[in-house]
Amino acid sequence: MQESRQLRRAQLAEAIKRQRHLLHVMTLAKDKVPESLKDRHIGSIQEITKKLHEMEVEFHELNVQQIREELKGC
């Protein structure tokens, strides 16, 4: 169980890093997007923001679980 949690934490950490970078790039490009694509671009930013938040919450919960297990072992 702990190994699968460690693997999931590592996967989430990498995915969060990629999503943050993507969000940063898309935010910088927001003003350079043609008007015809602006709504789609903003929608993509909102979708990435939501997904990033969900991943960060899951990552936090996995960290809390690990800390609780470590405290039980002491």
PDB file of N, CA and C in Angstrom:
ATOM      1  N   MET A   1       0.828  -1.193   0.000  1.00  0.00           N
ATOM      2  CA  MET A   1       0.000   0.000   0.000  1.00  0.00           C
ATOM      3  C   MET A   1       0.871   1.254   0.000  1.00  0.00           C
ATOM      4  N   GLN A   2       1.880   1.255   0.854  1.00  0.00           N
ATOM      5  CA  GLN A   2       2.731   2.432   0.940  1.00  0.00           C
ATOM      6  C   GLN A   2       3.500   2.641  -0.365  1.00  0.00           C
ATOM      7  N   GLU A   3       3.923   1.539  -1.003  1.00  0.00           N
ATOM      8  CA  GLU A   3       4.647   1.671  -2.266  1.00  0.00           C
ATOM      9  C   GLU A   3       3.755   2.252  -3.357  1.00  0.00           C
ATOM     10  N   SER A   4       2.496   1.821  -3.389  1.00  0.00           N
ATOM     11  CA  SER A   4       1.587   2.362  -4.398  1.00  0.00           C
ATOM     12  C   SER A   4       1.297   3.841  -4.127  1.00  0.00           C
ATOM     13  N   ARG A   5       1.236   4.206  -2.851  1.00  0.00           N
ATOM     14  CA  ARG A   5       1.031   5.609  -2.511  1.00  0.00           C
ATOM     15  C   ARG A   5       2.252   6.435  -2.914  1.00  0.00           C
ATOM     16  N   GLN A   6       3.431   5.879  -2.680  1.00  0.00           N
ATOM     17  CA  GLN A   6       4.660   6.587  -3.066  1.00  0.00           C
ATOM     18  C   GLN A   6       4.705   6.785  -4.583  1.00  0.00           C
ATOM     19  N   LEU A   7       4.325   5.757  -5.319  1.00  0.00           N
ATOM     20  CA  LEU A   7       4.302   5.854  -6.776  1.00  0.00           C
ATOM     21  C   LEU A   7       3.292   6.905  -7.222  1.00  0.00           C
ATOM     22  N   ARG A   8       2.101   6.880  -6.629  1.00  0.00           N
ATOM     23  CA  ARG A   8       1.070   7.852  -6.990  1.00  0.00           C
ATOM     24  C   ARG A   8       1.519   9.275  -6.652  1.00  0.00           C
ATOM     25  N   ARG A   9       2.174   9.449  -5.509  1.00  0.00           N
ATOM     26  CA  ARG A   9       2.682  10.770  -5.126  1.00  0.00           C
ATOM     27  C   ARG A   9       3.706  11.267  -6.146  1.00  0.00           C
ATOM     28  N   ALA A  10       4.594  10.373  -6.577  1.00  0.00           N
ATOM     29  CA  ALA A  10       5.610  10.755  -7.564  1.00  0.00           C
ATOM     30  C   ALA A  10       4.956  11.128  -8.888  1.00  0.00           C
ATOM     31  N   GLN A  11       3.959  10.344  -9.303  1.00  0.00           N
ATOM     32  CA  GLN A  11       3.250  10.642 -10.544  1.00  0.00           C
ATOM     33  C   GLN A  11       2.529  11.980 -10.439  1.00  0.00           C
ATOM     34  N   LEU A  12       1.870  12.207  -9.311  1.00  0.00           N
ATOM     35  CA  LEU A  12       1.151  13.468  -9.120  1.00  0.00           C
ATOM     36  C   LEU A  12       2.106  14.655  -9.098  1.00  0.00           C
ATOM     37  N   ALA A  13       3.231  14.505  -8.423  1.00  0.00           N
ATOM     38  CA  ALA A  13       4.200  15.605  -8.343  1.00  0.00           C
ATOM     39  C   ALA A  13       4.651  16.012  -9.747  1.00  0.00           C
ATOM     40  N   GLU A  14       4.929  15.025 -10.577  1.00  0.00           N
ATOM     41  CA  GLU A  14       5.369  15.322 -11.949  1.00  0.00           C
ATOM     42  C   GLU A  14       4.230  15.943 -12.765  1.00  0.00           C
ATOM     43  N   ALA A  15       3.028  15.398 -12.624  1.00  0.00           N
ATOM     44  CA  ALA A  15       1.877  15.923 -13.363  1.00  0.00           C
ATOM     45  C   ALA A  15       1.555  17.353 -12.923  1.00  0.00           C
ATOM     46  N   ILE A  16       1.648  17.623 -11.642  1.00  0.00           N
ATOM     47  CA  ILE A  16       1.396  18.973 -11.129  1.00  0.00           C
ATOM     48  C   ILE A  16       2.416  19.945 -11.708  1.00  0.00           C
ATOM     49  N   LYS A  17       3.660  19.525 -11.754  1.00  0.00           N
ATOM     50  CA  LYS A  17       4.714  20.377 -12.325  1.00  0.00           C
ATOM     51  C   LYS A  17       4.407  20.712 -13.786  1.00  0.00           C
ATOM     52  N   ARG A  18       4.010  19.698 -14.560  1.00  0.00           N
ATOM     53  CA  ARG A  18       3.689  19.921 -15.978  1.00  0.00           C
ATOM     54  C   ARG A  18       2.469  20.836 -16.140  1.00  0.00           C
ATOM     55  N   GLN A  19       1.441  20.604 -15.327  1.00  0.00           N
ATOM     56  CA  GLN A  19       0.222  21.403 -15.436  1.00  0.00           C
ATOM     57  C   GLN A  19       0.479  22.859 -15.043  1.00  0.00           C
ATOM     58  N   ARG A  20       1.294  23.064 -14.016  1.00  0.00           N
ATOM     59  CA  ARG A  20       1.635  24.441 -13.625  1.00  0.00           C
ATOM     60  C   ARG A  20       2.372  25.161 -14.746  1.00  0.00           C
ATOM     61  N   HIS A  21       3.293  24.451 -15.380  1.00  0.00           N
ATOM     62  CA  HIS A  21       4.036  25.051 -16.497  1.00  0.00           C
ATOM     63  C   HIS A  21       3.088  25.380 -17.646  1.00  0.00           C
ATOM     64  N   LEU A  22       2.233  24.431 -17.987  1.00  0.00           N
ATOM     65  CA  LEU A  22       1.272  24.645 -19.066  1.00  0.00           C
ATOM     66  C   LEU A  22       0.359  25.833 -18.754  1.00  0.00           C
ATOM     67  N   LEU A  23      -0.121  25.898 -17.528  1.00  0.00           N
ATOM     68  CA  LEU A  23      -0.987  27.003 -17.121  1.00  0.00           C
ATOM     69  C   LEU A  23      -0.247  28.337 -17.223  1.00  0.00           C
ATOM     70  N   HIS A  24       1.002  28.349 -16.816  1.00  0.00           N
ATOM     71  CA  HIS A  24       1.804  29.569 -16.897  1.00  0.00           C
ATOM     72  C   HIS A  24       1.961  30.030 -18.348  1.00  0.00           C
ATOM     73  N   VAL A  25       2.291  29.098 -19.223  1.00  0.00           N
ATOM     74  CA  VAL A  25       2.477  29.420 -20.636  1.00  0.00           C
ATOM     75  C   VAL A  25       1.170  29.917 -21.251  1.00  0.00           C
ATOM     76  N   MET A  26       0.076  29.234 -20.930  1.00  0.00           N
ATOM     77  CA  MET A  26      -1.213  29.633 -21.501  1.00  0.00           C
ATOM     78  C   MET A  26      -1.656  31.002 -20.977  1.00  0.00           C
ATOM     79  N   THR A  27      -1.349  31.284 -19.729  1.00  0.00           N
ATOM     80  CA  THR A  27      -1.689  32.591 -19.165  1.00  0.00           C
ATOM     81  C   THR A  27      -0.881  33.689 -19.845  1.00  0.00           C
ATOM     82  N   LEU A  28       0.394  33.413 -20.092  1.00  0.00           N
ATOM     83  CA  LEU A  28       1.223  34.409 -20.790  1.00  0.00           C
ATOM     84  C   LEU A  28       0.730  34.643 -22.213  1.00  0.00           C
ATOM     85  N   ALA A  29       0.234  33.601 -22.853  1.00  0.00           N
ATOM     86  CA  ALA A  29      -0.208  33.698 -24.247  1.00  0.00           C
ATOM     87  C   ALA A  29      -1.627  34.250 -24.380  1.00  0.00           C
ATOM     88  N   LYS A  30      -2.304  34.435 -23.268  1.00  0.00           N
ATOM     89  CA  LYS A  30      -3.710  34.853 -23.290  1.00  0.00           C
ATOM     90  C   LYS A  30      -3.939  36.114 -24.123  1.00  0.00           C
ATOM     91  N   ASP A  31      -3.053  37.078 -24.019  1.00  0.00           N
ATOM     92  CA  ASP A  31      -3.231  38.339 -24.740  1.00  0.00           C
ATOM     93  C   ASP A  31      -2.826  38.243 -26.212  1.00  0.00           C
ATOM     94  N   LYS A  32      -2.182  37.168 -26.584  1.00  0.00           N
ATOM     95  CA  LYS A  32      -1.714  37.012 -27.962  1.00  0.00           C
ATOM     96  C   LYS A  32      -2.620  36.111 -28.792  1.00  0.00           C
ATOM     97  N   VAL A  33      -3.662  35.585 -28.175  1.00  0.00           N
ATOM     98  CA  VAL A  33      -4.581  34.687 -28.872  1.00  0.00           C
ATOM     99  C   VAL A  33      -5.553  35.527 -29.703  1.00  0.00           C
ATOM    100  N   PRO A  34      -5.813  35.120 -30.934  1.00  0.00           N
ATOM    101  CA  PRO A  34      -6.786  35.854 -31.760  1.00  0.00           C
ATOM    102  C   PRO A  34      -8.173  35.853 -31.092  1.00  0.00           C
ATOM    103  N   GLU A  35      -8.922  36.892 -31.331  1.00  0.00           N
ATOM    104  CA  GLU A  35     -10.247  37.044 -30.726  1.00  0.00           C
ATOM    105  C   GLU A  35     -11.139  35.829 -30.991  1.00  0.00           C
ATOM    106  N   SER A  36     -11.026  35.247 -32.169  1.00  0.00           N
ATOM    107  CA  SER A  36     -11.878  34.116 -32.520  1.00  0.00           C
ATOM    108  C   SER A  36     -11.601  32.885 -31.652  1.00  0.00           C
ATOM    109  N   LEU A  37     -10.430  32.813 -31.044  1.00  0.00           N
ATOM    110  CA  LEU A  37     -10.064  31.667 -30.204  1.00  0.00           C
ATOM    111  C   LEU A  37      -9.992  31.996 -28.719  1.00  0.00           C
ATOM    112  N   LYS A  38     -10.254  33.251 -28.377  1.00  0.00           N
ATOM    113  CA  LYS A  38     -10.081  33.703 -26.996  1.00  0.00           C
ATOM    114  C   LYS A  38     -10.968  32.945 -26.012  1.00  0.00           C
ATOM    115  N   ASP A  39     -12.243  32.730 -26.367  1.00  0.00           N
ATOM    116  CA  ASP A  39     -13.143  32.016 -25.456  1.00  0.00           C
ATOM    117  C   ASP A  39     -12.666  30.592 -25.212  1.00  0.00           C
ATOM    118  N   ARG A  40     -12.236  29.923 -26.270  1.00  0.00           N
ATOM    119  CA  ARG A  40     -11.733  28.551 -26.137  1.00  0.00           C
ATOM    120  C   ARG A  40     -10.472  28.526 -25.274  1.00  0.00           C
ATOM    121  N   HIS A  41      -9.602  29.501 -25.484  1.00  0.00           N
ATOM    122  CA  HIS A  41      -8.351  29.584 -24.729  1.00  0.00           C
ATOM    123  C   HIS A  41      -8.634  29.803 -23.237  1.00  0.00           C
ATOM    124  N   ILE A  42      -9.529  30.712 -22.949  1.00  0.00           N
ATOM    125  CA  ILE A  42      -9.882  30.985 -21.550  1.00  0.00           C
ATOM    126  C   ILE A  42     -10.538  29.756 -20.926  1.00  0.00           C
ATOM    127  N   GLY A  43     -11.363  29.060 -21.682  1.00  0.00           N
ATOM    128  CA  GLY A  43     -11.974  27.825 -21.191  1.00  0.00           C
ATOM    129  C   GLY A  43     -10.930  26.768 -20.870  1.00  0.00           C
ATOM    130  N   SER A  44      -9.915  26.679 -21.709  1.00  0.00           N
ATOM    131  CA  SER A  44      -8.822  25.730 -21.465  1.00  0.00           C
ATOM    132  C   SER A  44      -8.060  26.095 -20.200  1.00  0.00           C
ATOM    133  N   ILE A  45      -7.829  27.373 -19.997  1.00  0.00           N
ATOM    134  CA  ILE A  45      -7.143  27.822 -18.781  1.00  0.00           C
ATOM    135  C   ILE A  45      -7.959  27.449 -17.552  1.00  0.00           C
ATOM    136  N   GLN A  46      -9.263  27.659 -17.610  1.00  0.00           N
ATOM    137  CA  GLN A  46     -10.124  27.313 -16.480  1.00  0.00           C
ATOM    138  C   GLN A  46     -10.127  25.809 -16.223  1.00  0.00           C
ATOM    139  N   GLU A  47     -10.154  25.029 -17.285  1.00  0.00           N
ATOM    140  CA  GLU A  47     -10.141  23.572 -17.154  1.00  0.00           C
ATOM    141  C   GLU A  47      -8.826  23.085 -16.529  1.00  0.00           C
ATOM    142  N   ILE A  48      -7.723  23.641 -16.978  1.00  0.00           N
ATOM    143  CA  ILE A  48      -6.423  23.263 -16.426  1.00  0.00           C
ATOM    144  C   ILE A  48      -6.329  23.671 -14.965  1.00  0.00           C
ATOM    145  N   THR A  49      -6.837  24.850 -14.638  1.00  0.00           N
ATOM    146  CA  THR A  49      -6.826  25.321 -13.258  1.00  0.00           C
ATOM    147  C   THR A  49      -7.612  24.363 -12.363  1.00  0.00           C
ATOM    148  N   LYS A  50      -8.772  23.939 -12.823  1.00  0.00           N
ATOM    149  CA  LYS A  50      -9.597  23.006 -12.046  1.00  0.00           C
ATOM    150  C   LYS A  50      -8.891  21.667 -11.870  1.00  0.00           C
ATOM    151  N   LYS A  51      -8.318  21.143 -12.938  1.00  0.00           N
ATOM    152  CA  LYS A  51      -7.613  19.866 -12.890  1.00  0.00           C
ATOM    153  C   LYS A  51      -6.406  19.958 -11.961  1.00  0.00           C
ATOM    154  N   LEU A  52      -5.675  21.056 -12.040  1.00  0.00           N
ATOM    155  CA  LEU A  52      -4.515  21.269 -11.188  1.00  0.00           C
ATOM    156  C   LEU A  52      -4.926  21.297  -9.722  1.00  0.00           C
ATOM    157  N   HIS A  53      -6.015  21.966  -9.427  1.00  0.00           N
ATOM    158  CA  HIS A  53      -6.503  22.025  -8.046  1.00  0.00           C
ATOM    159  C   HIS A  53      -6.848  20.627  -7.537  1.00  0.00           C
ATOM    160  N   GLU A  54      -7.521  19.841  -8.355  1.00  0.00           N
ATOM    161  CA  GLU A  54      -7.895  18.481  -7.959  1.00  0.00           C
ATOM    162  C   GLU A  54      -6.656  17.629  -7.688  1.00  0.00           C
ATOM    163  N   MET A  55      -5.643  17.763  -8.525  1.00  0.00           N
ATOM    164  CA  MET A  55      -4.414  17.002  -8.326  1.00  0.00           C
ATOM    165  C   MET A  55      -3.696  17.445  -7.053  1.00  0.00           C
ATOM    166  N   GLU A  56      -3.686  18.745  -6.784  1.00  0.00           N
ATOM    167  CA  GLU A  56      -3.033  19.250  -5.575  1.00  0.00           C
ATOM    168  C   GLU A  56      -3.754  18.767  -4.320  1.00  0.00           C
ATOM    169  N   VAL A  57      -5.074  18.702  -4.365  1.00  0.00           N
ATOM    170  CA  VAL A  57      -5.841  18.190  -3.225  1.00  0.00           C
ATOM    171  C   VAL A  57      -5.506  16.716  -2.987  1.00  0.00           C
ATOM    172  N   GLU A  58      -5.475  15.922  -4.059  1.00  0.00           N
ATOM    173  CA  GLU A  58      -5.139  14.500  -3.925  1.00  0.00           C
ATOM    174  C   GLU A  58      -3.721  14.332  -3.376  1.00  0.00           C
ATOM    175  N   PHE A  59      -2.786  15.123  -3.882  1.00  0.00           N
ATOM    176  CA  PHE A  59      -1.400  15.064  -3.420  1.00  0.00           C
ATOM    177  C   PHE A  59      -1.326  15.388  -1.930  1.00  0.00           C
ATOM    178  N   HIS A  60      -2.053  16.402  -1.509  1.00  0.00           N
ATOM    179  CA  HIS A  60      -2.089  16.783  -0.101  1.00  0.00           C
ATOM    180  C   HIS A  60      -2.642  15.646   0.757  1.00  0.00           C
ATOM    181  N   GLU A  61      -3.727  15.028   0.301  1.00  0.00           N
ATOM    182  CA  GLU A  61      -4.329  13.933   1.056  1.00  0.00           C
ATOM    183  C   GLU A  61      -3.370  12.752   1.193  1.00  0.00           C
ATOM    184  N   LEU A  62      -2.634  12.452   0.133  1.00  0.00           N
ATOM    185  CA  LEU A  62      -1.653  11.372   0.205  1.00  0.00           C
ATOM    186  C   LEU A  62      -0.541  11.711   1.193  1.00  0.00           C
ATOM    187  N   ASN A  63      -0.121  12.964   1.217  1.00  0.00           N
ATOM    188  CA  ASN A  63       0.892  13.386   2.184  1.00  0.00           C
ATOM    189  C   ASN A  63       0.388  13.266   3.612  1.00  0.00           C
ATOM    190  N   VAL A  64      -0.859  13.654   3.837  1.00  0.00           N
ATOM    191  CA  VAL A  64      -1.452  13.562   5.177  1.00  0.00           C
ATOM    192  C   VAL A  64      -1.523  12.101   5.614  1.00  0.00           C
ATOM    193  N   GLN A  65      -1.940  11.219   4.709  1.00  0.00           N
ATOM    194  CA  GLN A  65      -2.003   9.793   5.036  1.00  0.00           C
ATOM    195  C   GLN A  65      -0.632   9.261   5.427  1.00  0.00           C
ATOM    196  N   GLN A  66       0.377   9.654   4.687  1.00  0.00           N
ATOM    197  CA  GLN A  66       1.724   9.180   4.989  1.00  0.00           C
ATOM    198  C   GLN A  66       2.180   9.677   6.352  1.00  0.00           C
ATOM    199  N   ILE A  67       1.938  10.932   6.643  1.00  0.00           N
ATOM    200  CA  ILE A  67       2.339  11.494   7.928  1.00  0.00           C
ATOM    201  C   ILE A  67       1.620  10.776   9.064  1.00  0.00           C
ATOM    202  N   ARG A  68       0.332  10.518   8.906  1.00  0.00           N
ATOM    203  CA  ARG A  68      -0.430   9.804   9.951  1.00  0.00           C
ATOM    204  C   ARG A  68       0.142   8.412  10.184  1.00  0.00           C
ATOM    205  N   GLU A  69       0.481   7.709   9.109  1.00  0.00           N
ATOM    206  CA  GLU A  69       1.056   6.368   9.269  1.00  0.00           C
ATOM    207  C   GLU A  69       2.411   6.418   9.944  1.00  0.00           C
ATOM    208  N   GLU A  70       3.206   7.409   9.600  1.00  0.00           N
ATOM    209  CA  GLU A  70       4.511   7.549  10.238  1.00  0.00           C
ATOM    210  C   GLU A  70       4.363   7.856  11.711  1.00  0.00           C
ATOM    211  N   LEU A  71       3.371   8.664  12.088  1.00  0.00           N
ATOM    212  CA  LEU A  71       3.157   8.977  13.499  1.00  0.00           C
ATOM    213  C   LEU A  71       2.654   7.768  14.279  1.00  0.00           C
ATOM    214  N   LYS A  72       1.861   6.912  13.634  1.00  0.00           N
ATOM    215  CA  LYS A  72       1.398   5.689  14.286  1.00  0.00           C
ATOM    216  C   LYS A  72       2.548   4.753  14.573  1.00  0.00           C
ATOM    217  N   GLY A  73       3.556   4.760  13.696  1.00  0.00           N
ATOM    218  CA  GLY A  73       4.705   3.879  13.855  1.00  0.00           C
ATOM    219  C   GLY A  73       5.649   4.292  14.954  1.00  0.00           C
ATOM    220  N   CYS A  74       5.553   5.526  15.417  1.00  0.00           N
ATOM    221  CA  CYS A  74       6.476   6.029  16.454  1.00  0.00           C
ATOM    222  C   CYS A  74       6.110   5.562  17.834  1.00  0.00           C
TER     223      CYS A  74
END
